[in-house]
Amino acid sequence: MKFREATKHYLAVAALAFAIWQVTPRPVGSAFAQDKAKPSSEESAKVESVRPSNREASIRAIVAHLGLGKGSTICDIGAGRGRDSWVFAEIVGEAGAVIAEEIGGGDVKSLKEEAEKKGFSQVRSVLGRSEDPCLPPEAVDLAFMNHVYHHLAKPREMLRGIWRGLKPGGRLVVVDRRLGTLRDWVPRHVREEKHHWIAETTVVREAREEGFAFAECAEQCWHEKDHFVLVFQRPKKGKRPGRDPDLFAPVSVEKCSGLFLPVARSYRQPVFIALGGARKLMPPILNASSGKGLEVVLEEWATQKEERPPLAAGLSLPSVLTENGDANLGDEPIDVVFFLDSYHLLFHGKTLLAKIYEKLSPGGCVYVLDRRAEKPLSRREASHFRQIQPRTVRQEMAEAGFSLWSRARRPARDRFLLVFGKGRPGKVPPADNPFIGGPAISGSPGQWLKQNYWRLQGFETTDGSIVILKEPGRKGSVEKVPGASAGKQIWRIPKEKLELHFERKDGEYLLTDYRSSDQR
């Protein structure tokens, strides 16, 4: 019995694919709508500047905005009674195709009968499943979901099914509520039968991780202001879903971990807000810490309250989920915070940064490692595209009361690294300053200086003398002075006109003296 049902199901899908193939135009050299279907520049400008007045106008605006029209193939997922499907049918015409998908047999039958009454031969009603729309492979130009996503109990499975049904380069549009981060924290299986609004951050994360590239926010095409309209694209290359097509470049732990390790003293209470491959930097930082640390999980990332990013093997760390930006950092002061490939996500950044500023010790600092955006992005776009401009970070941190202390050379080809403190570098007492290097250093003097010069603010010698750099946090070079005796090294910082004298004792180098290079 099950075999016969499965055979009938697949034959139906095959028949649908053949029907779509018959009515869909096949232009030479293109899998997309013909150029003549694209709106003129005047029409595009009108769509961008004036919101549609109703739902039908919104559907037409979205299709025009995407450059689709006569001859296109559109799937209305969760078509209901077909309200949007009939509009799509008018748009694509008899040369196109509309797939009206529903998961109830009665709904599918009603859609079929109504399409026949309206004379829409281009509309095909399809019985899907709650986890799969059951589309023919690579047949659809646009998959559309209007107030459907928040009902998905198995969104990732559904997204993979949509991905497979789209043509390479085809688009997925999700219209739903709410803007911003998740507020209805309910188990996914509960959503299928009840209304619990989803969040745009959840949709973007799940769609990206299942193989879609985020394309744009298109609320200007929708008549209701409290909705989000997200546009995704199946990449033109790639044979299977299940992987973000826009991954960050890898970060070498071996080459980059030294940029985050303490210069002078161990971290006492490090706080991590870390995602993706940058989480590999957490173990070496914790190894250089005297406290156990804390992980802050962003509500901008989590899709369930108990969800946590996986920790490295053998690593144990207490964690807390933000709530409207409040990380509940506790009563104890913290001395360092690491945003590792996570800052771009912030929707509640103002609150989170205020809480961090409040708990950060006078000499505490904040590291921000993130992917560089080459063009200005809105805060929403930065979150959804997973990249941000350094100037945006500097501006937001300054508004929260932080001062930029230093910036590193690119730790990876697509990254930037900035360090902020509560006060200006010259105003932090040397005893509280984490970037006063010496007297003991790790490794050789040359290696230590080249790795840390970008963030050093001064030096302390073995006799307790301290010299403060005139231009900390600026790019500069260091060079070895020849002629030092065995076990000793002298290094010069030309920009500061400063010479540093190191001596090897008991297997480590100590900074024993400093002098002005003008004295030589």
Protein backbone atom coordinates (compact mmCIF):
# COMPACT_ATOMS: atom_id res chain seq x y z
CA MET A 1 0.00 0.00 0.00
CA LYS A 2 2.76 2.41 0.99
CA PHE A 3 4.63 1.54 -2.21
CA ARG A 4 1.58 2.34 -4.37
CA GLU A 5 1.04 5.65 -2.54
CA ALA A 6 4.69 6.62 -2.96
CA THR A 7 4.55 5.67 -6.66
CA LYS A 8 1.43 7.80 -7.17
CA HIS A 9 3.11 10.74 -5.38
CA TYR A 10 6.24 10.65 -7.53
CA LEU A 11 4.27 10.19 -10.74
CA ALA A 12 2.25 13.28 -9.81
CA VAL A 13 5.44 15.28 -9.27
CA ALA A 14 6.82 14.05 -12.59
CA ALA A 15 3.62 15.03 -14.36
CA LEU A 16 3.76 18.47 -12.77
CA ALA A 17 7.36 18.91 -13.87
CA PHE A 18 6.43 17.97 -17.43
CA ALA A 19 3.50 20.41 -17.41
CA ILE A 20 5.72 23.23 -16.21
CA TRP A 21 8.33 22.33 -18.82
CA GLN A 22 5.68 22.59 -21.52
CA VAL A 23 4.48 26.07 -20.56
CA THR A 24 7.77 27.62 -19.47
CA PRO A 25 9.72 29.48 -22.19
CA ARG A 26 13.32 28.40 -22.63
CA PRO A 27 15.36 31.41 -23.78
CA VAL A 28 18.83 30.70 -25.09
CA GLY A 29 21.62 31.13 -22.54
CA SER A 30 19.40 32.05 -19.58
CA ALA A 31 17.48 30.21 -16.87
CA PHE A 32 15.65 33.37 -15.84
CA ALA A 33 12.82 35.57 -17.05
CA GLN A 34 13.36 37.31 -20.37
CA ASP A 35 14.71 40.86 -20.36
CA LYS A 36 11.41 42.24 -21.65
CA ALA A 37 9.74 41.13 -18.38
CA LYS A 38 11.94 43.43 -16.32
CA PRO A 39 10.44 46.74 -15.19
CA SER A 40 11.78 49.97 -16.61
CA SER A 41 13.98 52.21 -14.49
CA GLU A 42 11.03 54.58 -14.09
CA GLU A 43 8.82 51.76 -12.80
CA SER A 44 11.56 50.56 -10.44
CA ALA A 45 11.96 54.05 -9.00
CA LYS A 46 8.22 54.25 -8.38
CA VAL A 47 8.21 50.89 -6.56
CA GLU A 48 11.13 51.98 -4.37
CA SER A 49 9.64 55.31 -3.34
CA VAL A 50 5.93 54.53 -2.75
CA ARG A 51 4.57 51.65 -0.68
CA PRO A 52 1.74 49.66 -2.29
CA SER A 53 -1.73 50.30 -0.89
CA ASN A 54 -2.92 46.71 -0.52
CA ARG A 55 -1.93 43.05 -0.68
CA GLU A 56 -2.49 42.56 -4.40
CA ALA A 57 -0.44 45.64 -5.22
CA SER A 58 2.28 44.34 -2.89
CA ILE A 59 2.46 41.01 -4.74
CA ARG A 60 2.77 42.83 -8.05
CA ALA A 61 5.42 45.17 -6.63
CA ILE A 62 7.56 42.29 -5.37
CA VAL A 63 7.43 40.42 -8.68
CA ALA A 64 8.27 43.59 -10.63
CA HIS A 65 11.07 44.43 -8.21
CA LEU A 66 12.63 41.01 -8.85
CA GLY A 67 12.42 41.44 -12.63
CA LEU A 68 9.93 38.61 -13.13
CA GLY A 69 6.71 38.63 -15.15
CA LYS A 70 5.21 36.96 -18.20
CA GLY A 71 6.50 33.42 -18.61
CA SER A 72 7.92 33.09 -15.10
CA THR A 73 7.31 30.10 -12.83
CA ILE A 74 6.21 31.03 -9.30
CA CYS A 75 5.41 28.79 -6.35
CA ASP A 76 2.98 30.04 -3.70
CA ILE A 77 3.95 27.95 -0.66
CA GLY A 78 1.09 27.64 1.81
CA ALA A 79 -1.31 29.06 -0.76
CA GLY A 80 -4.38 28.79 1.47
CA ARG A 81 -7.43 29.71 -0.59
CA GLY A 82 -5.27 31.02 -3.42
CA ARG A 83 -5.59 34.75 -2.84
CA ASP A 84 -1.96 35.37 -3.87
CA SER A 85 -1.90 32.53 -6.41
CA TRP A 86 -4.55 34.21 -8.57
CA VAL A 87 -2.50 37.42 -8.65
CA PHE A 88 0.59 35.46 -9.63
CA ALA A 89 -1.44 33.76 -12.38
CA GLU A 90 -2.38 37.13 -13.87
CA ILE A 91 1.24 38.27 -13.70
CA VAL A 92 2.87 35.25 -15.38
CA GLY A 93 0.10 34.76 -17.93
CA GLU A 94 -0.63 31.59 -19.86
CA ALA A 95 3.01 31.35 -20.90
CA GLY A 96 4.06 30.99 -17.27
CA ALA A 97 3.20 28.65 -14.43
CA VAL A 98 1.98 28.98 -10.86
CA ILE A 99 2.35 26.18 -8.32
CA ALA A 100 -0.19 26.59 -5.53
CA GLU A 101 1.17 24.37 -2.73
CA GLU A 102 -0.72 23.24 0.37
CA ILE A 103 -0.34 20.37 2.85
CA GLY A 104 -4.03 19.42 3.14
CA GLY A 105 -5.75 17.29 0.52
CA GLY A 106 -8.96 19.29 0.86
CA ASP A 107 -7.13 22.57 0.32
CA VAL A 108 -5.39 21.23 -2.77
CA LYS A 109 -8.71 20.05 -4.21
CA SER A 110 -10.32 23.44 -3.53
CA LEU A 111 -7.42 25.26 -5.18
CA LYS A 112 -7.71 23.07 -8.26
CA GLU A 113 -11.45 23.64 -8.56
CA GLU A 114 -11.14 27.39 -8.05
CA ALA A 115 -8.37 27.65 -10.66
CA GLU A 116 -10.61 25.86 -13.15
CA LYS A 117 -13.50 28.22 -12.37
CA LYS A 118 -11.27 31.25 -12.93
CA GLY A 119 -9.87 29.80 -16.14
CA PHE A 120 -6.28 29.76 -14.90
CA SER A 121 -4.85 26.81 -16.80
CA GLN A 122 -1.36 27.93 -15.74
CA VAL A 123 -2.12 27.16 -12.07
CA ARG A 124 -1.27 23.72 -10.71
CA SER A 125 -2.28 22.78 -7.16
CA VAL A 126 0.27 20.57 -5.41
CA LEU A 127 0.06 18.49 -2.25
CA GLY A 128 3.18 19.12 -0.22
CA ARG A 129 4.25 18.11 3.26
CA SER A 130 4.96 20.21 6.33
CA GLU A 131 8.67 19.59 5.79
CA ASP A 132 8.80 19.56 1.96
CA PRO A 133 6.88 21.50 -0.71
CA CYS A 134 7.42 18.56 -3.12
CA LEU A 135 8.51 20.75 -6.05
CA PRO A 136 9.99 19.49 -9.31
CA PRO A 137 13.78 19.97 -9.26
CA GLU A 138 15.15 23.30 -10.51
CA ALA A 139 11.80 24.40 -11.94
CA VAL A 140 10.88 27.60 -10.09
CA ASP A 141 11.95 31.23 -10.54
CA LEU A 142 10.35 32.44 -7.30
CA ALA A 143 9.17 30.67 -4.15
CA PHE A 144 6.88 32.90 -2.09
CA MET A 145 5.86 32.46 1.56
CA ASN A 146 3.33 34.91 2.99
CA HIS A 147 2.69 34.45 6.73
CA VAL A 148 3.74 30.82 6.42
CA TYR A 149 7.25 30.65 7.85
CA HIS A 150 6.16 31.20 11.46
CA HIS A 151 4.09 27.99 11.20
CA LEU A 152 7.00 25.78 10.11
CA ALA A 153 7.80 23.02 12.59
CA LYS A 154 10.70 21.79 10.45
CA PRO A 155 11.99 24.93 8.72
CA ARG A 156 15.36 23.53 7.72
CA GLU A 157 13.86 20.57 5.90
CA MET A 158 11.38 22.88 4.17
CA LEU A 159 14.16 25.26 3.13
CA ARG A 160 16.14 22.42 1.59
CA GLY A 161 13.09 21.33 -0.38
CA ILE A 162 12.57 24.89 -1.64
CA TRP A 163 16.26 25.17 -2.53
CA ARG A 164 16.07 22.03 -4.66
CA GLY A 165 12.91 23.27 -6.41
CA LEU A 166 14.37 26.65 -7.36
CA LYS A 167 16.32 27.19 -10.53
CA PRO A 168 19.96 28.18 -9.95
CA GLY A 169 19.69 31.91 -9.25
CA GLY A 170 16.01 31.62 -8.30
CA ARG A 171 14.65 33.64 -5.39
CA LEU A 172 12.85 32.92 -2.14
CA VAL A 173 10.75 35.71 -0.62
CA VAL A 174 9.55 35.44 2.99
CA VAL A 175 6.91 37.86 4.27
CA ASP A 176 6.15 37.57 7.97
CA ARG A 177 6.31 39.19 11.40
CA ARG A 178 8.22 40.37 13.47
CA LEU A 179 10.97 42.80 12.66
CA GLY A 180 14.04 42.33 14.82
CA THR A 181 14.75 39.47 17.20
CA LEU A 182 12.70 36.57 18.50
CA ARG A 183 10.15 37.20 21.25
CA ASP A 184 7.93 34.11 21.05
CA TRP A 185 10.29 31.48 22.46
CA VAL A 186 8.20 28.36 21.83
CA PRO A 187 9.21 24.85 20.67
CA ARG A 188 9.10 24.58 16.90
CA HIS A 189 6.52 21.76 16.88
CA VAL A 190 4.05 24.10 18.63
CA ARG A 191 4.20 26.59 15.75
CA GLU A 192 2.54 24.30 13.22
CA GLU A 193 -0.92 24.60 14.78
CA LYS A 194 -0.75 27.98 16.55
CA HIS A 195 0.21 31.56 15.73
CA HIS A 196 3.54 32.48 17.30
CA TRP A 197 5.31 35.17 15.30
CA ILE A 198 8.81 34.45 14.09
CA ALA A 199 11.73 36.91 13.91
CA GLU A 200 13.61 38.08 10.86
CA THR A 201 16.90 37.12 12.53
CA THR A 202 15.71 33.51 12.85
CA VAL A 203 14.62 33.34 9.21
CA VAL A 204 17.92 34.76 7.96
CA ARG A 205 20.06 32.42 10.03
CA GLU A 206 18.14 29.30 9.03
CA ALA A 207 17.96 30.25 5.34
CA ARG A 208 21.66 31.05 5.15
CA GLU A 209 22.69 27.86 6.92
CA GLU A 210 20.54 25.80 4.54
CA GLY A 211 22.18 27.18 1.42
CA PHE A 212 20.53 30.50 0.56
CA ALA A 213 22.38 33.75 -0.01
CA PHE A 214 20.72 36.74 1.61
CA ALA A 215 19.92 39.28 -1.13
CA GLU A 216 18.00 42.20 0.38
CA CYS A 217 15.26 43.58 2.59
CA ALA A 218 12.29 44.65 0.46
CA GLU A 219 9.75 46.17 2.85
CA GLN A 220 9.26 49.04 0.39
CA CYS A 221 7.26 46.54 -1.69
CA TRP A 222 4.81 45.65 1.09
CA HIS A 223 1.74 47.55 2.27
CA GLU A 224 1.99 46.67 5.99
CA LYS A 225 4.71 48.48 7.93
CA ASP A 226 5.16 46.00 10.79
CA HIS A 227 6.22 43.15 8.49
CA PHE A 228 9.57 42.06 7.16
CA VAL A 229 10.12 41.11 3.53
CA LEU A 230 13.32 39.12 3.08
CA VAL A 231 14.71 38.12 -0.30
CA PHE A 232 17.08 35.15 -0.63
CA GLN A 233 18.67 33.54 -3.65
CA ARG A 234 19.74 30.05 -4.51
CA PRO A 235 23.34 30.49 -5.74
CA LYS A 236 23.90 29.92 -9.43
CA LYS A 237 26.63 27.47 -8.50
CA GLY A 238 26.29 24.64 -6.03
CA LYS A 239 24.59 21.29 -6.35
CA ARG A 240 23.13 20.75 -2.89
CA PRO A 241 21.70 22.75 0.03
CA GLY A 242 22.76 22.66 3.68
CA ARG A 243 25.72 25.06 3.72
CA ASP A 244 25.97 28.84 3.95
CA PRO A 245 27.18 29.98 0.50
CA ASP A 246 28.79 33.11 1.98
CA LEU A 247 31.13 31.75 4.65
CA PHE A 248 33.77 33.79 6.45
CA ALA A 249 37.39 33.24 5.47
CA PRO A 250 39.11 30.87 7.93
CA VAL A 251 41.07 32.37 10.82
CA SER A 252 44.39 30.71 11.62
CA VAL A 253 44.52 30.08 15.36
CA GLU A 254 48.26 29.53 15.17
CA LYS A 255 48.88 32.87 13.46
CA CYS A 256 46.16 34.99 15.08
CA SER A 257 45.72 33.84 18.68
CA GLY A 258 48.68 35.95 19.81
CA LEU A 259 46.74 39.08 18.84
CA PHE A 260 44.25 38.33 21.60
CA LEU A 261 46.49 37.00 24.37
CA PRO A 262 47.32 39.28 27.32
CA VAL A 263 50.36 41.52 27.01
CA ALA A 264 51.17 42.07 30.67
CA ARG A 265 48.99 39.98 32.99
CA SER A 266 46.50 37.13 32.79
CA TYR A 267 42.87 37.90 32.07
CA ARG A 268 40.78 37.56 35.21
CA GLN A 269 37.24 37.37 33.84
CA PRO A 270 37.07 37.14 30.03
CA VAL A 271 33.66 37.40 28.37
CA PHE A 272 33.13 35.80 24.96
CA ILE A 273 30.52 36.71 22.36
CA ALA A 274 31.80 34.40 19.66
CA LEU A 275 30.44 32.61 16.60
CA GLY A 276 31.61 30.42 13.76
CA GLY A 277 35.23 29.56 13.14
CA ALA A 278 36.40 32.38 15.42
CA ARG A 279 35.31 30.26 18.39
CA LYS A 280 38.55 28.34 17.89
CA LEU A 281 40.29 31.34 19.45
CA MET A 282 38.52 30.79 22.78
CA PRO A 283 40.69 27.93 24.19
CA PRO A 284 44.06 29.73 23.90
CA ILE A 285 42.53 32.88 25.42
CA LEU A 286 41.08 30.87 28.31
CA ASN A 287 44.45 29.18 28.83
CA ALA A 288 45.90 32.66 29.40
CA SER A 289 43.17 33.53 31.92
CA SER A 290 43.05 33.05 35.67
CA GLY A 291 39.22 33.09 35.80
CA LYS A 292 36.73 30.66 34.28
CA GLY A 293 35.18 33.20 31.91
CA LEU A 294 31.63 33.63 30.63
CA GLU A 295 29.93 33.14 27.28
CA VAL A 296 27.22 35.57 26.18
CA VAL A 297 24.85 34.09 23.60
CA LEU A 298 23.10 36.68 21.45
CA GLU A 299 19.33 36.53 21.05
CA GLU A 300 20.08 37.77 17.52
CA TRP A 301 21.58 34.30 16.91
CA ALA A 302 19.60 31.84 19.05
CA THR A 303 16.43 30.23 17.70
CA GLN A 304 15.55 28.56 21.02
CA LYS A 305 16.23 29.81 24.55
CA GLU A 306 18.37 26.81 25.43
CA GLU A 307 20.37 26.83 22.18
CA ARG A 308 24.12 27.35 22.56
CA PRO A 309 26.97 27.29 20.02
CA PRO A 310 29.08 24.13 20.39
CA LEU A 311 32.19 24.41 22.57
CA ALA A 312 35.57 22.93 21.72
CA ALA A 313 36.18 19.43 23.06
CA GLY A 314 37.04 19.49 26.75
CA LEU A 315 35.97 23.12 27.19
CA SER A 316 33.39 24.06 29.80
CA LEU A 317 32.02 27.56 30.13
CA PRO A 318 28.97 29.09 31.84
CA SER A 319 26.67 30.93 29.44
CA VAL A 320 23.85 33.45 29.46
CA LEU A 321 21.37 34.47 26.73
CA THR A 322 20.77 38.17 26.19
CA GLU A 323 17.28 39.54 26.69
CA ASN A 324 16.57 42.74 24.78
CA GLY A 325 20.33 43.29 24.86
CA ASP A 326 20.80 42.72 28.59
CA ALA A 327 23.47 40.07 29.15
CA ASN A 328 22.97 39.81 32.93
CA LEU A 329 26.72 40.03 33.50
CA GLY A 330 26.45 39.70 37.28
CA ASP A 331 28.00 41.76 40.05
CA GLU A 332 31.72 41.13 39.49
CA PRO A 333 33.66 43.51 37.21
CA ILE A 334 35.01 42.11 33.95
CA ASP A 335 38.37 42.99 32.44
CA VAL A 336 38.04 41.94 28.80
CA VAL A 337 35.28 41.24 26.26
CA PHE A 338 35.78 39.46 22.95
CA PHE A 339 33.34 40.03 20.09
CA LEU A 340 34.57 37.30 17.73
CA ASP A 341 32.70 37.38 14.40
CA SER A 342 29.52 38.42 16.20
CA TYR A 343 29.35 42.22 16.48
CA HIS A 344 27.67 42.61 13.08
CA LEU A 345 24.59 40.73 14.35
CA LEU A 346 23.59 43.28 16.98
CA PHE A 347 20.04 44.60 16.97
CA HIS A 348 20.14 45.48 20.68
CA GLY A 349 23.68 46.85 20.61
CA LYS A 350 22.92 50.04 22.48
CA THR A 351 21.72 48.15 25.56
CA LEU A 352 24.41 45.47 25.40
CA LEU A 353 27.26 47.97 25.04
CA ALA A 354 25.87 50.04 27.92
CA LYS A 355 25.85 46.95 30.16
CA ILE A 356 29.40 46.07 29.13
CA TYR A 357 30.59 49.61 29.78
CA GLU A 358 28.99 49.52 33.22
CA LYS A 359 30.71 46.26 34.23
CA LEU A 360 34.08 46.80 32.57
CA SER A 361 36.96 47.58 34.93
CA PRO A 362 38.80 50.94 34.51
CA GLY A 363 41.59 49.29 32.54
CA GLY A 364 39.33 46.81 30.79
CA CYS A 365 39.12 46.51 27.03
CA VAL A 366 36.85 45.21 24.27
CA TYR A 367 38.15 43.34 21.21
CA VAL A 368 36.05 43.39 18.03
CA LEU A 369 36.99 40.90 15.32
CA ASP A 370 34.58 40.93 12.39
CA ARG A 371 34.13 40.73 8.64
CA ARG A 372 34.72 43.97 6.78
CA ALA A 373 31.93 45.40 4.63
CA GLU A 374 33.24 47.30 1.63
CA LYS A 375 30.18 49.55 1.37
CA PRO A 376 27.91 51.26 3.92
CA LEU A 377 25.15 49.03 5.27
CA SER A 378 22.19 49.69 7.51
CA ARG A 379 22.22 47.92 10.86
CA ARG A 380 19.73 45.33 9.59
CA GLU A 381 21.73 44.76 6.42
CA ALA A 382 24.94 44.34 8.40
CA SER A 383 23.28 41.68 10.53
CA HIS A 384 21.78 39.79 7.59
CA PHE A 385 24.81 40.07 5.28
CA ARG A 386 27.10 39.06 8.17
CA GLN A 387 29.53 41.97 7.66
CA ILE A 388 30.00 45.50 8.93
CA GLN A 389 32.16 48.53 8.23
CA PRO A 390 34.83 49.34 10.84
CA ARG A 391 33.62 52.96 10.91
CA THR A 392 30.17 51.74 12.03
CA VAL A 393 31.76 49.83 14.91
CA ARG A 394 33.86 52.85 15.89
CA GLN A 395 30.83 55.14 15.82
CA GLU A 396 28.64 52.82 17.90
CA MET A 397 31.38 52.16 20.43
CA ALA A 398 32.07 55.89 20.75
CA GLU A 399 28.37 56.56 21.34
CA ALA A 400 28.51 53.97 24.14
CA GLY A 401 31.42 55.84 25.76
CA PHE A 402 34.35 53.73 24.55
CA SER A 403 37.60 55.04 23.06
CA LEU A 404 39.44 53.36 20.22
CA TRP A 405 42.78 52.16 21.58
CA SER A 406 44.26 50.32 18.63
CA ARG A 407 43.64 48.56 15.35
CA ALA A 408 45.50 45.55 14.02
CA ARG A 409 46.50 44.65 10.53
CA ARG A 410 44.00 42.29 8.93
CA PRO A 411 44.06 39.00 10.88
CA ALA A 412 42.45 37.33 7.84
CA ARG A 413 41.79 38.55 4.31
CA ASP A 414 38.18 39.58 5.08
CA ARG A 415 38.54 40.68 8.73
CA PHE A 416 39.39 43.71 10.83
CA LEU A 417 40.37 43.85 14.50
CA LEU A 418 39.79 46.84 16.78
CA VAL A 419 40.44 47.28 20.51
CA PHE A 420 38.47 49.72 22.68
CA GLY A 421 38.82 50.91 26.26
CA LYS A 422 36.71 52.91 28.71
CA GLY A 423 39.02 55.91 28.69
CA ARG A 424 41.66 57.39 26.44
CA PRO A 425 44.95 55.44 26.61
CA GLY A 426 46.88 58.29 28.25
CA LYS A 427 44.24 58.63 30.98
CA VAL A 428 44.47 55.02 32.21
CA PRO A 429 46.88 54.64 35.18
CA PRO A 430 49.83 52.37 34.28
CA ALA A 431 48.91 49.98 37.10
CA ASP A 432 45.51 49.40 35.43
CA ASN A 433 46.68 49.48 31.83
CA PRO A 434 46.69 45.98 30.25
CA PHE A 435 48.95 47.15 27.42
CA ILE A 436 52.00 48.21 29.42
CA GLY A 437 54.43 45.50 28.31
CA GLY A 438 57.21 43.98 30.42
CA PRO A 439 59.31 43.41 32.27
CA ALA A 440 58.95 39.70 31.40
CA ILE A 441 57.87 38.92 27.84
CA SER A 442 56.83 35.77 26.01
CA GLY A 443 59.11 34.52 23.25
CA SER A 444 61.91 36.50 21.65
CA PRO A 445 61.95 40.33 21.81
CA GLY A 446 61.56 40.73 18.06
CA GLN A 447 58.66 38.33 17.80
CA TRP A 448 56.94 39.82 20.84
CA LEU A 449 57.32 43.41 19.62
CA LYS A 450 56.15 42.71 16.08
CA GLN A 451 53.10 40.82 17.32
CA ASN A 452 52.06 43.31 19.99
CA TYR A 453 53.30 46.73 18.91
CA TRP A 454 49.92 47.64 17.39
CA ARG A 455 48.30 47.57 20.86
CA LEU A 456 51.19 48.42 23.21
CA GLN A 457 50.86 51.69 25.11
CA GLY A 458 54.08 51.63 27.10
CA PHE A 459 56.78 49.52 28.74
CA GLU A 460 57.86 48.61 32.26
CA THR A 461 61.45 47.63 33.09
CA THR A 462 62.76 45.29 35.78
CA ASP A 463 63.40 48.21 38.14
CA GLY A 464 59.78 49.41 37.84
CA SER A 465 60.45 52.32 35.50
CA ILE A 466 57.66 52.99 33.01
CA VAL A 467 57.77 54.74 29.66
CA ILE A 468 54.52 55.67 27.90
CA LEU A 469 54.41 55.70 24.11
CA LYS A 470 53.68 59.05 22.51
CA GLU A 471 51.56 57.58 19.70
CA PRO A 472 50.08 54.28 20.90
CA GLY A 473 47.84 52.31 18.61
CA ARG A 474 49.51 53.70 15.49
CA LYS A 475 51.24 51.76 12.76
CA GLY A 476 54.97 51.64 13.12
CA SER A 477 58.04 49.48 12.68
CA VAL A 478 60.59 47.93 15.01
CA GLU A 479 64.18 47.12 14.10
CA LYS A 480 67.00 45.26 15.76
CA VAL A 481 70.11 47.21 16.74
CA PRO A 482 73.27 45.22 15.89
CA GLY A 483 76.22 44.75 18.23
CA ALA A 484 74.56 43.57 21.46
CA SER A 485 76.50 41.08 23.58
CA ALA A 486 75.48 37.43 24.08
CA GLY A 487 72.15 36.98 25.84
CA LYS A 488 71.18 40.59 25.19
CA GLN A 489 69.19 42.30 22.47
CA ILE A 490 68.43 45.93 21.66
CA TRP A 491 65.40 46.90 19.62
CA ARG A 492 64.56 50.33 18.27
CA ILE A 493 61.14 51.92 17.65
CA PRO A 494 62.04 54.69 15.16
CA LYS A 495 58.72 56.53 15.36
CA GLU A 496 59.02 56.86 19.14
CA LYS A 497 62.81 57.43 19.04
CA LEU A 498 63.05 54.74 21.67
CA GLU A 499 65.47 51.86 22.29
CA LEU A 500 64.52 48.84 24.39
CA HIS A 501 67.17 46.69 26.09
CA PHE A 502 66.39 43.04 26.73
CA GLU A 503 68.40 40.45 28.65
CA ARG A 504 67.87 36.70 28.78
CA LYS A 505 67.66 35.26 32.30
CA ASP A 506 66.45 31.83 33.43
CA GLY A 507 65.13 30.98 29.97
CA GLU A 508 63.07 34.15 29.38
CA TYR A 509 63.73 37.68 28.18
CA LEU A 510 63.33 40.63 30.52
CA LEU A 511 63.11 44.31 29.61
CA THR A 512 65.91 45.81 31.68
CA ASP A 513 66.20 49.35 30.33
CA TYR A 514 64.98 51.86 27.80
CA ARG A 515 66.72 54.85 26.28
CA SER A 516 66.07 57.61 23.82
CA SER A 517 67.66 56.75 20.48
CA ASP A 518 68.72 60.42 20.25
CA GLN A 519 71.28 59.66 22.96
CA ARG A 520 73.28 57.34 20.69
